Amino acid sequence: MGLTELHADRCIYPRPFPEGFDACPAFQATTFIAADSRNKPLGTWRTCRHLGTGNDLENRGRFYPRCALGDQRQRLQWLAQVSPAKLDIVRALQEEFDQLSRPHRERLFDARARLHAGPASGMPEPELEQLINAFLATIDRFLNQNNERFRDVGLPAEPLRQLIKEWVWAWVRTPALATPRGKTIEVFEKPGRAFLRAHAEPVASAARRLWDRPLYADTILQILPTVDPPGLALVGDVDRSNVAAVAQALARMRGHAGDVHLDLSGLLYCDLGGLQVIVRASQALEPERRLVLHGIPHQLERALEIVDWAPLPNLTIAGAPSA
């Protein structure tokens, strides 16, 4: 059994992540202050918010770089849940906040190290509280200045402010900060919760996808059979590297009776070649049959309108008003 099979949640990308890294569609850049077992700083490093460590069960005492989102399928699920557009906003906010907060985090890191070094070198309570309050005041200003951007991604400022306050105090008071859980996160609606917890929640899709029976899978796309209604689902990106696989899968559906249903609610990107394949699949159907698109992303529907393909008689968008 290879490493990929043994550790499906392994991060396969070289580290440290370089500036401009975009090979992983779920990547969220952040910085952290590394330290040794005595809390001595080892420098500030650029990493991914989802990167952690996993235990190698085959080799006791060994570890591997683990993606908190899970395996490839789960990463695509998470991305479909939060949407690439909202992830771009969160990435920008994260980068701005990292730069703004670094001096505060460095001072708090030093204070935390002294606090846990022992009673003789512990930090006086008033000084520690002053550092935390200064950091929280900086966070307040940042949230107020970017209130609309946070609201657009499902992270309203007031509950987020309370959550960050709890995290900061927990991080300073304890040697390690556990993943936040409980009712604090539950006050956020989807997809806001997906940005805060370290795993993907079930993604609402137009049809039930049979994840265990993929018809095709590569590093950026999975083609899955669906039920209720029966058909296909595209999850991930469609580009020139896999458009032939999409065409073949749709061609095989012509052998089934009735309409052909295509679930696009998990589609993150589709180039012009992918659009052409979808349109040609509808044109190849008999006059009484239709290719029904479910959960079509707004940008893809808009692209169909721009190129004047949307009115095709054999192509239907589920939920759209009748012509």
C-alpha atoms as a PDB file:
ATOM      1  CA  MET A   1       0.000   0.000   0.000  1.00  0.00           C
ATOM      2  CA  GLY A   2       1.479   3.365  -1.029  1.00  0.00           C
ATOM      3  CA  LEU A   3       1.634   6.524   1.054  1.00  0.00           C
ATOM      4  CA  THR A   4      -1.187   8.117  -0.938  1.00  0.00           C
ATOM      5  CA  GLU A   5      -3.494   5.191  -0.212  1.00  0.00           C
ATOM      6  CA  LEU A   6      -2.462   4.975   3.454  1.00  0.00           C
ATOM      7  CA  HIS A   7      -2.792   8.718   4.126  1.00  0.00           C
ATOM      8  CA  ALA A   8      -5.518  10.046   1.848  1.00  0.00           C
ATOM      9  CA  ASP A   9      -5.504  13.314   3.834  1.00  0.00           C
ATOM     10  CA  ARG A  10      -1.759  13.868   3.301  1.00  0.00           C
ATOM     11  CA  CYS A  11      -0.719  17.303   1.991  1.00  0.00           C
ATOM     12  CA  ILE A  12       1.127  16.509  -1.238  1.00  0.00           C
ATOM     13  CA  TYR A  13       2.572  19.976  -1.848  1.00  0.00           C
ATOM     14  CA  PRO A  14       6.164  21.061  -1.066  1.00  0.00           C
ATOM     15  CA  ARG A  15       6.617  23.264   1.980  1.00  0.00           C
ATOM     16  CA  PRO A  16       7.145  26.011   2.936  1.00  0.00           C
ATOM     17  CA  PHE A  17       4.555  27.359   0.532  1.00  0.00           C
ATOM     18  CA  PRO A  18       6.059  30.005  -1.780  1.00  0.00           C
ATOM     19  CA  GLU A  19       4.537  33.425  -2.370  1.00  0.00           C
ATOM     20  CA  GLY A  20       1.765  33.190  -4.954  1.00  0.00           C
ATOM     21  CA  PHE A  21       1.201  29.465  -4.331  1.00  0.00           C
ATOM     22  CA  ASP A  22      -2.102  28.408  -5.930  1.00  0.00           C
ATOM     23  CA  ALA A  23      -1.667  24.724  -6.795  1.00  0.00           C
ATOM     24  CA  CYS A  24      -4.189  23.650  -4.135  1.00  0.00           C
ATOM     25  CA  PRO A  25      -7.637  25.203  -4.710  1.00  0.00           C
ATOM     26  CA  ALA A  26      -8.434  25.108  -0.954  1.00  0.00           C
ATOM     27  CA  PHE A  27      -5.162  26.764   0.124  1.00  0.00           C
ATOM     28  CA  GLN A  28      -5.491  29.497   2.755  1.00  0.00           C
ATOM     29  CA  ALA A  29      -2.217  31.280   3.477  1.00  0.00           C
ATOM     30  CA  THR A  30      -1.489  32.274   7.059  1.00  0.00           C
ATOM     31  CA  THR A  31       1.575  32.872   9.201  1.00  0.00           C
ATOM     32  CA  PHE A  32       2.530  31.291  12.494  1.00  0.00           C
ATOM     33  CA  ILE A  33       5.332  31.703  15.008  1.00  0.00           C
ATOM     34  CA  ALA A  34       7.136  28.391  15.401  1.00  0.00           C
ATOM     35  CA  ALA A  35       8.605  27.413  18.777  1.00  0.00           C
ATOM     36  CA  ASP A  36      10.494  24.569  20.400  1.00  0.00           C
ATOM     37  CA  SER A  37       9.320  22.507  23.376  1.00  0.00           C
ATOM     38  CA  ARG A  38      10.389  25.312  25.735  1.00  0.00           C
ATOM     39  CA  ASN A  39       8.409  27.932  23.797  1.00  0.00           C
ATOM     40  CA  LYS A  40      11.570  29.477  22.375  1.00  0.00           C
ATOM     41  CA  PRO A  41      10.649  31.216  19.069  1.00  0.00           C
ATOM     42  CA  LEU A  42      12.040  29.630  15.902  1.00  0.00           C
ATOM     43  CA  GLY A  43      10.871  32.279  13.460  1.00  0.00           C
ATOM     44  CA  THR A  44       7.693  33.202  11.602  1.00  0.00           C
ATOM     45  CA  TRP A  45       6.632  30.913   8.768  1.00  0.00           C
ATOM     46  CA  ARG A  46       4.084  30.960   5.982  1.00  0.00           C
ATOM     47  CA  THR A  47       1.777  27.979   5.947  1.00  0.00           C
ATOM     48  CA  CYS A  48      -1.793  26.887   5.138  1.00  0.00           C
ATOM     49  CA  ARG A  49      -4.543  27.280   7.685  1.00  0.00           C
ATOM     50  CA  HIS A  50      -5.615  23.679   7.041  1.00  0.00           C
ATOM     51  CA  LEU A  51      -2.162  22.120   7.475  1.00  0.00           C
ATOM     52  CA  GLY A  52      -1.582  20.005  10.563  1.00  0.00           C
ATOM     53  CA  THR A  53       0.135  16.781  11.571  1.00  0.00           C
ATOM     54  CA  GLY A  54      -1.174  13.248  11.300  1.00  0.00           C
ATOM     55  CA  ASN A  55       0.032  10.150  13.130  1.00  0.00           C
ATOM     56  CA  ASP A  56       1.572   7.449  10.964  1.00  0.00           C
ATOM     57  CA  LEU A  57      -0.125   4.337  12.330  1.00  0.00           C
ATOM     58  CA  GLU A  58       2.220   2.068  10.384  1.00  0.00           C
ATOM     59  CA  ASN A  59       5.319   3.671  11.923  1.00  0.00           C
ATOM     60  CA  ARG A  60       4.885   4.521  15.594  1.00  0.00           C
ATOM     61  CA  GLY A  61       6.313   7.914  16.497  1.00  0.00           C
ATOM     62  CA  ARG A  62       6.329   9.191  12.918  1.00  0.00           C
ATOM     63  CA  PHE A  63       4.121  11.919  11.549  1.00  0.00           C
ATOM     64  CA  TYR A  64       3.048  13.271   8.162  1.00  0.00           C
ATOM     65  CA  PRO A  65       1.689  16.633   6.896  1.00  0.00           C
ATOM     66  CA  ARG A  66      -2.087  16.319   7.169  1.00  0.00           C
ATOM     67  CA  CYS A  67      -4.819  18.431   5.560  1.00  0.00           C
ATOM     68  CA  ALA A  68      -7.506  19.145   8.154  1.00  0.00           C
ATOM     69  CA  LEU A  69     -10.141  19.214   5.394  1.00  0.00           C
ATOM     70  CA  GLY A  70      -9.468  15.550   4.585  1.00  0.00           C
ATOM     71  CA  ASP A  71      -8.805  13.842   1.292  1.00  0.00           C
ATOM     72  CA  GLN A  72      -9.190  15.195  -2.234  1.00  0.00           C
ATOM     73  CA  ARG A  73     -12.930  14.583  -2.329  1.00  0.00           C
ATOM     74  CA  GLN A  74     -13.461  16.318   1.003  1.00  0.00           C
ATOM     75  CA  ARG A  75     -11.354  19.298  -0.066  1.00  0.00           C
ATOM     76  CA  LEU A  76     -13.541  19.706  -3.141  1.00  0.00           C
ATOM     77  CA  GLN A  77     -16.643  19.377  -0.948  1.00  0.00           C
ATOM     78  CA  TRP A  78     -15.373  22.123   1.337  1.00  0.00           C
ATOM     79  CA  LEU A  79     -14.549  24.391  -1.594  1.00  0.00           C
ATOM     80  CA  ALA A  80     -17.968  23.840  -3.144  1.00  0.00           C
ATOM     81  CA  GLN A  81     -19.511  24.695   0.217  1.00  0.00           C
ATOM     82  CA  VAL A  82     -17.700  27.997   0.733  1.00  0.00           C
ATOM     83  CA  SER A  83     -17.446  28.915  -3.004  1.00  0.00           C
ATOM     84  CA  PRO A  84     -14.227  30.122  -4.690  1.00  0.00           C
ATOM     85  CA  ALA A  85     -15.438  33.742  -4.749  1.00  0.00           C
ATOM     86  CA  LYS A  86     -15.923  33.868  -0.968  1.00  0.00           C
ATOM     87  CA  LEU A  87     -12.654  32.047  -0.397  1.00  0.00           C
ATOM     88  CA  ASP A  88     -10.861  34.790  -2.367  1.00  0.00           C
ATOM     89  CA  ILE A  89     -12.354  37.408  -0.033  1.00  0.00           C
ATOM     90  CA  VAL A  90     -11.308  35.446   3.058  1.00  0.00           C
ATOM     91  CA  ARG A  91      -7.794  34.995   1.672  1.00  0.00           C
ATOM     92  CA  ALA A  92      -7.456  38.752   1.183  1.00  0.00           C
ATOM     93  CA  LEU A  93      -8.785  39.464   4.687  1.00  0.00           C
ATOM     94  CA  GLN A  94      -6.408  36.886   6.163  1.00  0.00           C
ATOM     95  CA  GLU A  95      -3.395  38.445   4.451  1.00  0.00           C
ATOM     96  CA  GLU A  96      -4.339  41.948   5.594  1.00  0.00           C
ATOM     97  CA  PHE A  97      -4.940  40.791   9.144  1.00  0.00           C
ATOM     98  CA  ASP A  98      -1.673  38.827   9.277  1.00  0.00           C
ATOM     99  CA  GLN A  99       0.315  41.956   8.437  1.00  0.00           C
ATOM    100  CA  LEU A 100      -1.654  44.143  10.838  1.00  0.00           C
ATOM    101  CA  SER A 101      -1.565  41.747  13.778  1.00  0.00           C
ATOM    102  CA  ARG A 102       1.986  40.359  13.557  1.00  0.00           C
ATOM    103  CA  PRO A 103       3.543  42.772  16.121  1.00  0.00           C
ATOM    104  CA  HIS A 104       0.733  42.030  18.571  1.00  0.00           C
ATOM    105  CA  ARG A 105       1.043  38.270  18.059  1.00  0.00           C
ATOM    106  CA  GLU A 106       4.799  38.391  18.614  1.00  0.00           C
ATOM    107  CA  ARG A 107       4.366  40.234  21.920  1.00  0.00           C
ATOM    108  CA  LEU A 108       1.608  37.864  22.994  1.00  0.00           C
ATOM    109  CA  PHE A 109       3.735  34.883  22.015  1.00  0.00           C
ATOM    110  CA  ASP A 110       6.516  36.128  24.265  1.00  0.00           C
ATOM    111  CA  ALA A 111       4.049  36.768  27.084  1.00  0.00           C
ATOM    112  CA  ARG A 112       2.562  33.319  26.724  1.00  0.00           C
ATOM    113  CA  ALA A 113       6.015  31.712  26.803  1.00  0.00           C
ATOM    114  CA  ARG A 114       6.852  33.484  30.039  1.00  0.00           C
ATOM    115  CA  LEU A 115       3.469  32.640  31.525  1.00  0.00           C
ATOM    116  CA  HIS A 116       4.032  28.905  31.002  1.00  0.00           C
ATOM    117  CA  ALA A 117       7.743  28.908  31.837  1.00  0.00           C
ATOM    118  CA  GLY A 118       7.057  28.651  35.563  1.00  0.00           C
ATOM    119  CA  PRO A 119       5.924  30.719  38.569  1.00  0.00           C
ATOM    120  CA  ALA A 120       9.281  32.477  38.980  1.00  0.00           C
ATOM    121  CA  SER A 121       9.217  33.959  35.472  1.00  0.00           C
ATOM    122  CA  GLY A 122       5.485  34.224  35.025  1.00  0.00           C
ATOM    123  CA  MET A 123       4.098  37.417  33.570  1.00  0.00           C
ATOM    124  CA  PRO A 124       2.251  39.799  35.901  1.00  0.00           C
ATOM    125  CA  GLU A 125      -1.500  39.632  35.312  1.00  0.00           C
ATOM    126  CA  PRO A 126      -2.020  43.370  34.583  1.00  0.00           C
ATOM    127  CA  GLU A 127       0.679  43.404  31.877  1.00  0.00           C
ATOM    128  CA  LEU A 128      -0.733  40.308  30.214  1.00  0.00           C
ATOM    129  CA  GLU A 129      -4.256  41.713  30.274  1.00  0.00           C
ATOM    130  CA  GLN A 130      -2.997  44.985  28.787  1.00  0.00           C
ATOM    131  CA  LEU A 131      -1.399  43.132  25.840  1.00  0.00           C
ATOM    132  CA  ILE A 132      -4.545  41.115  25.196  1.00  0.00           C
ATOM    133  CA  ASN A 133      -6.793  44.181  25.343  1.00  0.00           C
ATOM    134  CA  ALA A 134      -4.524  46.027  22.890  1.00  0.00           C
ATOM    135  CA  PHE A 135      -4.707  43.069  20.492  1.00  0.00           C
ATOM    136  CA  LEU A 136      -8.482  42.832  20.825  1.00  0.00           C
ATOM    137  CA  ALA A 137      -8.806  46.575  20.181  1.00  0.00           C
ATOM    138  CA  THR A 138      -6.825  46.129  16.948  1.00  0.00           C
ATOM    139  CA  ILE A 139      -9.142  43.281  15.960  1.00  0.00           C
ATOM    140  CA  ASP A 140     -12.196  45.433  16.707  1.00  0.00           C
ATOM    141  CA  ARG A 141     -10.953  48.179  14.395  1.00  0.00           C
ATOM    142  CA  PHE A 142     -10.201  45.668  11.650  1.00  0.00           C
ATOM    143  CA  LEU A 143     -13.666  44.089  11.938  1.00  0.00           C
ATOM    144  CA  ASN A 144     -15.384  47.488  11.878  1.00  0.00           C
ATOM    145  CA  GLN A 145     -13.407  48.655   8.844  1.00  0.00           C
ATOM    146  CA  ASN A 146     -14.214  45.451   6.929  1.00  0.00           C
ATOM    147  CA  ASN A 147     -17.695  44.792   8.247  1.00  0.00           C
ATOM    148  CA  GLU A 148     -19.316  44.399   4.818  1.00  0.00           C
ATOM    149  CA  ARG A 149     -16.618  42.039   3.520  1.00  0.00           C
ATOM    150  CA  PHE A 150     -16.984  39.778   6.559  1.00  0.00           C
ATOM    151  CA  ARG A 151     -20.774  39.825   6.233  1.00  0.00           C
ATOM    152  CA  ASP A 152     -20.521  38.883   2.549  1.00  0.00           C
ATOM    153  CA  VAL A 153     -18.705  35.633   3.436  1.00  0.00           C
ATOM    154  CA  GLY A 154     -21.111  34.711   6.230  1.00  0.00           C
ATOM    155  CA  LEU A 155     -19.028  35.986   9.165  1.00  0.00           C
ATOM    156  CA  PRO A 156     -20.961  38.819  10.850  1.00  0.00           C
ATOM    157  CA  ALA A 157     -18.728  40.973  13.030  1.00  0.00           C
ATOM    158  CA  GLU A 158     -20.376  40.664  16.446  1.00  0.00           C
ATOM    159  CA  PRO A 159     -20.308  36.861  16.910  1.00  0.00           C
ATOM    160  CA  LEU A 160     -16.909  36.764  15.183  1.00  0.00           C
ATOM    161  CA  ARG A 161     -15.590  39.341  17.661  1.00  0.00           C
ATOM    162  CA  GLN A 162     -16.774  37.205  20.574  1.00  0.00           C
ATOM    163  CA  LEU A 163     -15.299  34.046  19.075  1.00  0.00           C
ATOM    164  CA  ILE A 164     -11.874  35.661  18.522  1.00  0.00           C
ATOM    165  CA  LYS A 165     -11.884  36.961  22.094  1.00  0.00           C
ATOM    166  CA  GLU A 166     -12.458  33.435  23.394  1.00  0.00           C
ATOM    167  CA  TRP A 167      -9.695  32.067  21.153  1.00  0.00           C
ATOM    168  CA  VAL A 168      -7.153  34.676  22.259  1.00  0.00           C
ATOM    169  CA  TRP A 169      -7.735  34.103  25.957  1.00  0.00           C
ATOM    170  CA  ALA A 170      -7.726  30.322  25.515  1.00  0.00           C
ATOM    171  CA  TRP A 171      -4.475  30.444  23.539  1.00  0.00           C
ATOM    172  CA  VAL A 172      -2.713  32.581  26.141  1.00  0.00           C
ATOM    173  CA  ARG A 173      -4.014  30.620  29.123  1.00  0.00           C
ATOM    174  CA  THR A 174      -3.319  27.104  27.821  1.00  0.00           C
ATOM    175  CA  PRO A 175      -0.160  25.477  26.424  1.00  0.00           C
ATOM    176  CA  ALA A 176      -2.046  24.489  23.277  1.00  0.00           C
ATOM    177  CA  LEU A 177      -5.196  25.812  21.627  1.00  0.00           C
ATOM    178  CA  ALA A 178      -7.701  23.125  20.702  1.00  0.00           C
ATOM    179  CA  THR A 179     -10.022  23.387  17.722  1.00  0.00           C
ATOM    180  CA  PRO A 180     -12.990  25.570  18.738  1.00  0.00           C
ATOM    181  CA  ARG A 181     -16.196  23.662  19.137  1.00  0.00           C
ATOM    182  CA  GLY A 182     -19.623  23.873  20.660  1.00  0.00           C
ATOM    183  CA  LYS A 183     -22.354  26.453  20.343  1.00  0.00           C
ATOM    184  CA  THR A 184     -20.057  29.425  19.622  1.00  0.00           C
ATOM    185  CA  ILE A 185     -19.536  28.354  16.029  1.00  0.00           C
ATOM    186  CA  GLU A 186     -23.120  27.179  15.563  1.00  0.00           C
ATOM    187  CA  VAL A 187     -24.399  30.779  15.663  1.00  0.00           C
ATOM    188  CA  PHE A 188     -22.872  31.274  12.201  1.00  0.00           C
ATOM    189  CA  GLU A 189     -24.780  30.163   9.131  1.00  0.00           C
ATOM    190  CA  LYS A 190     -23.305  28.220   6.232  1.00  0.00           C
ATOM    191  CA  PRO A 191     -20.867  28.794   4.608  1.00  0.00           C
ATOM    192  CA  GLY A 192     -19.456  30.910   7.451  1.00  0.00           C
ATOM    193  CA  ARG A 193     -19.099  27.860   9.700  1.00  0.00           C
ATOM    194  CA  ALA A 194     -16.976  26.146   7.059  1.00  0.00           C
ATOM    195  CA  PHE A 195     -14.347  28.889   7.342  1.00  0.00           C
ATOM    196  CA  LEU A 196     -14.121  28.398  11.108  1.00  0.00           C
ATOM    197  CA  ARG A 197     -14.099  24.668  11.687  1.00  0.00           C
ATOM    198  CA  ALA A 198     -11.489  22.229  10.427  1.00  0.00           C
ATOM    199  CA  HIS A 199     -13.681  19.963   8.315  1.00  0.00           C
ATOM    200  CA  ALA A 200     -16.340  20.105   5.664  1.00  0.00           C
ATOM    201  CA  GLU A 201     -20.001  19.778   6.483  1.00  0.00           C
ATOM    202  CA  PRO A 202     -22.216  17.820   4.093  1.00  0.00           C
ATOM    203  CA  VAL A 203     -22.700  19.851   0.925  1.00  0.00           C
ATOM    204  CA  ALA A 204     -26.238  20.442  -0.237  1.00  0.00           C
ATOM    205  CA  SER A 205     -26.429  19.241  -3.818  1.00  0.00           C
ATOM    206  CA  ALA A 206     -29.114  19.007  -6.449  1.00  0.00           C
ATOM    207  CA  ALA A 207     -28.924  15.205  -6.398  1.00  0.00           C
ATOM    208  CA  ARG A 208     -27.524  12.492  -4.160  1.00  0.00           C
ATOM    209  CA  ARG A 209     -24.007  11.761  -5.348  1.00  0.00           C
ATOM    210  CA  LEU A 210     -22.528   8.284  -5.225  1.00  0.00           C
ATOM    211  CA  TRP A 211     -19.069   9.231  -3.972  1.00  0.00           C
ATOM    212  CA  ASP A 212     -17.958   5.615  -3.702  1.00  0.00           C
ATOM    213  CA  ARG A 213     -18.566   4.929  -7.414  1.00  0.00           C
ATOM    214  CA  PRO A 214     -16.712   7.636  -9.360  1.00  0.00           C
ATOM    215  CA  LEU A 215     -16.864   7.347 -13.137  1.00  0.00           C
ATOM    216  CA  TYR A 216     -13.758   9.501 -13.468  1.00  0.00           C
ATOM    217  CA  ALA A 217     -11.351  11.230 -11.074  1.00  0.00           C
ATOM    218  CA  ASP A 218      -8.190  13.297 -11.423  1.00  0.00           C
ATOM    219  CA  THR A 219      -6.555  15.906  -9.201  1.00  0.00           C
ATOM    220  CA  ILE A 220      -9.141  18.610  -9.997  1.00  0.00           C
ATOM    221  CA  LEU A 221     -12.331  16.866 -11.151  1.00  0.00           C
ATOM    222  CA  GLN A 222     -14.593  13.997 -10.182  1.00  0.00           C
ATOM    223  CA  ILE A 223     -17.471  12.730 -12.316  1.00  0.00           C
ATOM    224  CA  LEU A 224     -19.994  10.914 -10.161  1.00  0.00           C
ATOM    225  CA  PRO A 225     -23.255   9.083 -10.829  1.00  0.00           C
ATOM    226  CA  THR A 226     -26.291  10.525  -9.045  1.00  0.00           C
ATOM    227  CA  VAL A 227     -29.699   9.332  -7.954  1.00  0.00           C
ATOM    228  CA  ASP A 228     -32.879  11.347  -7.318  1.00  0.00           C
ATOM    229  CA  PRO A 229     -32.708  12.242 -10.179  1.00  0.00           C
ATOM    230  CA  PRO A 230     -30.435   9.736 -11.886  1.00  0.00           C
ATOM    231  CA  GLY A 231     -27.662  11.349 -13.883  1.00  0.00           C
ATOM    232  CA  LEU A 232     -24.167  12.764 -13.431  1.00  0.00           C
ATOM    233  CA  ALA A 233     -22.464  15.269 -11.136  1.00  0.00           C
ATOM    234  CA  LEU A 234     -19.356  17.309 -11.939  1.00  0.00           C
ATOM    235  CA  VAL A 235     -17.360  18.226  -8.825  1.00  0.00           C
ATOM    236  CA  GLY A 236     -14.280  20.419  -9.248  1.00  0.00           C
ATOM    237  CA  ASP A 237     -12.787  22.039 -12.366  1.00  0.00           C
ATOM    238  CA  VAL A 238     -13.429  21.264 -16.041  1.00  0.00           C
ATOM    239  CA  ASP A 239     -10.630  22.308 -18.375  1.00  0.00           C
ATOM    240  CA  ARG A 240      -8.733  20.992 -21.402  1.00  0.00           C
ATOM    241  CA  SER A 241      -7.074  18.256 -19.312  1.00  0.00           C
ATOM    242  CA  ASN A 242     -10.353  16.460 -18.561  1.00  0.00           C
ATOM    243  CA  VAL A 243     -12.946  17.802 -20.997  1.00  0.00           C
ATOM    244  CA  ALA A 244     -12.729  14.584 -23.042  1.00  0.00           C
ATOM    245  CA  ALA A 245     -13.719  12.569 -19.961  1.00  0.00           C
ATOM    246  CA  VAL A 246     -16.760  14.822 -19.474  1.00  0.00           C
ATOM    247  CA  ALA A 247     -17.752  14.339 -23.126  1.00  0.00           C
ATOM    248  CA  GLN A 248     -17.456  10.549 -22.821  1.00  0.00           C
ATOM    249  CA  ALA A 249     -19.510  10.434 -19.616  1.00  0.00           C
ATOM    250  CA  LEU A 250     -22.293  12.525 -21.174  1.00  0.00           C
ATOM    251  CA  ALA A 251     -22.221  10.422 -24.351  1.00  0.00           C
ATOM    252  CA  ARG A 252     -22.788   7.269 -22.282  1.00  0.00           C
ATOM    253  CA  MET A 253     -25.872   8.878 -20.724  1.00  0.00           C
ATOM    254  CA  ARG A 254     -27.534   8.991 -24.161  1.00  0.00           C
ATOM    255  CA  GLY A 255     -28.116   5.263 -23.805  1.00  0.00           C
ATOM    256  CA  HIS A 256     -30.459   5.841 -20.845  1.00  0.00           C
ATOM    257  CA  ALA A 257     -34.153   6.565 -21.272  1.00  0.00           C
ATOM    258  CA  GLY A 258     -35.674   9.950 -20.530  1.00  0.00           C
ATOM    259  CA  ASP A 259     -33.992  13.253 -19.809  1.00  0.00           C
ATOM    260  CA  VAL A 260     -30.301  13.488 -18.904  1.00  0.00           C
ATOM    261  CA  HIS A 261     -29.695  15.217 -15.564  1.00  0.00           C
ATOM    262  CA  LEU A 262     -26.413  16.992 -14.864  1.00  0.00           C
ATOM    263  CA  ASP A 263     -25.705  18.260 -11.344  1.00  0.00           C
ATOM    264  CA  LEU A 264     -23.360  21.283 -11.505  1.00  0.00           C
ATOM    265  CA  SER A 265     -23.713  22.478  -7.886  1.00  0.00           C
ATOM    266  CA  GLY A 266     -20.184  21.255  -7.142  1.00  0.00           C
ATOM    267  CA  LEU A 267     -18.629  22.764 -10.280  1.00  0.00           C
ATOM    268  CA  LEU A 268     -15.926  25.292  -9.387  1.00  0.00           C
ATOM    269  CA  TYR A 269     -14.646  26.234 -12.851  1.00  0.00           C
ATOM    270  CA  CYS A 270     -15.560  25.429 -16.432  1.00  0.00           C
ATOM    271  CA  ASP A 271     -13.714  26.730 -19.486  1.00  0.00           C
ATOM    272  CA  LEU A 272     -15.184  27.320 -22.944  1.00  0.00           C
ATOM    273  CA  GLY A 273     -14.367  23.766 -24.017  1.00  0.00           C
ATOM    274  CA  GLY A 274     -16.430  22.410 -21.127  1.00  0.00           C
ATOM    275  CA  LEU A 275     -19.359  24.635 -22.100  1.00  0.00           C
ATOM    276  CA  GLN A 276     -19.154  23.379 -25.678  1.00  0.00           C
ATOM    277  CA  VAL A 277     -19.229  19.757 -24.500  1.00  0.00           C
ATOM    278  CA  ILE A 278     -22.377  20.407 -22.438  1.00  0.00           C
ATOM    279  CA  VAL A 279     -24.124  22.146 -25.323  1.00  0.00           C
ATOM    280  CA  ARG A 280     -23.170  19.446 -27.844  1.00  0.00           C
ATOM    281  CA  ALA A 281     -24.433  16.753 -25.453  1.00  0.00           C
ATOM    282  CA  SER A 282     -27.841  18.442 -25.424  1.00  0.00           C
ATOM    283  CA  GLN A 283     -27.859  18.796 -29.235  1.00  0.00           C
ATOM    284  CA  ALA A 284     -27.129  15.073 -29.633  1.00  0.00           C
ATOM    285  CA  LEU A 285     -30.322  14.086 -27.792  1.00  0.00           C
ATOM    286  CA  GLU A 286     -33.545  13.109 -29.552  1.00  0.00           C
ATOM    287  CA  PRO A 287     -36.075  15.990 -29.973  1.00  0.00           C
ATOM    288  CA  GLU A 288     -38.257  14.795 -27.071  1.00  0.00           C
ATOM    289  CA  ARG A 289     -35.354  14.531 -24.615  1.00  0.00           C
ATOM    290  CA  ARG A 290     -33.556  17.265 -22.677  1.00  0.00           C
ATOM    291  CA  LEU A 291     -30.273  17.828 -20.881  1.00  0.00           C
ATOM    292  CA  VAL A 292     -31.377  19.291 -17.533  1.00  0.00           C
ATOM    293  CA  LEU A 293     -28.776  21.340 -15.635  1.00  0.00           C
ATOM    294  CA  HIS A 294     -29.208  21.379 -11.839  1.00  0.00           C
ATOM    295  CA  GLY A 295     -27.469  23.751  -9.431  1.00  0.00           C
ATOM    296  CA  ILE A 296     -25.781  25.664 -12.241  1.00  0.00           C
ATOM    297  CA  PRO A 297     -23.337  28.296 -10.924  1.00  0.00           C
ATOM    298  CA  HIS A 298     -24.420  31.840 -11.722  1.00  0.00           C
ATOM    299  CA  GLN A 299     -21.277  32.600 -13.718  1.00  0.00           C
ATOM    300  CA  LEU A 300     -21.839  29.542 -15.930  1.00  0.00           C
ATOM    301  CA  GLU A 301     -25.479  30.448 -16.538  1.00  0.00           C
ATOM    302  CA  ARG A 302     -24.366  33.954 -17.441  1.00  0.00           C
ATOM    303  CA  ALA A 303     -21.780  32.544 -19.867  1.00  0.00           C
ATOM    304  CA  LEU A 304     -24.485  30.498 -21.602  1.00  0.00           C
ATOM    305  CA  GLU A 305     -26.569  33.643 -22.010  1.00  0.00           C
ATOM    306  CA  ILE A 306     -23.655  35.641 -23.399  1.00  0.00           C
ATOM    307  CA  VAL A 307     -22.913  33.078 -26.114  1.00  0.00           C
ATOM    308  CA  ASP A 308     -26.661  32.687 -26.776  1.00  0.00           C
ATOM    309  CA  TRP A 309     -26.741  28.960 -25.981  1.00  0.00           C
ATOM    310  CA  ALA A 310     -29.275  29.108 -23.138  1.00  0.00           C
ATOM    311  CA  PRO A 311     -32.387  29.081 -25.419  1.00  0.00           C
ATOM    312  CA  LEU A 312     -31.477  25.722 -27.049  1.00  0.00           C
ATOM    313  CA  PRO A 313     -34.581  23.491 -27.121  1.00  0.00           C
ATOM    314  CA  ASN A 314     -32.838  20.425 -25.671  1.00  0.00           C
ATOM    315  CA  LEU A 315     -31.043  22.333 -22.910  1.00  0.00           C
ATOM    316  CA  THR A 316     -32.949  23.226 -19.739  1.00  0.00           C
ATOM    317  CA  ILE A 317     -31.852  24.908 -16.517  1.00  0.00           C
ATOM    318  CA  ALA A 318     -33.768  23.466 -13.560  1.00  0.00           C
ATOM    319  CA  GLY A 319     -35.691  26.121 -11.658  1.00  0.00           C
ATOM    320  CA  ALA A 320     -35.453  28.704 -14.430  1.00  0.00           C
ATOM    321  CA  PRO A 321     -38.685  30.346 -15.660  1.00  0.00           C
ATOM    322  CA  SER A 322     -40.205  28.693 -18.692  1.00  0.00           C
ATOM    323  CA  ALA A 323     -39.500  30.395 -22.009  1.00  0.00           C
END
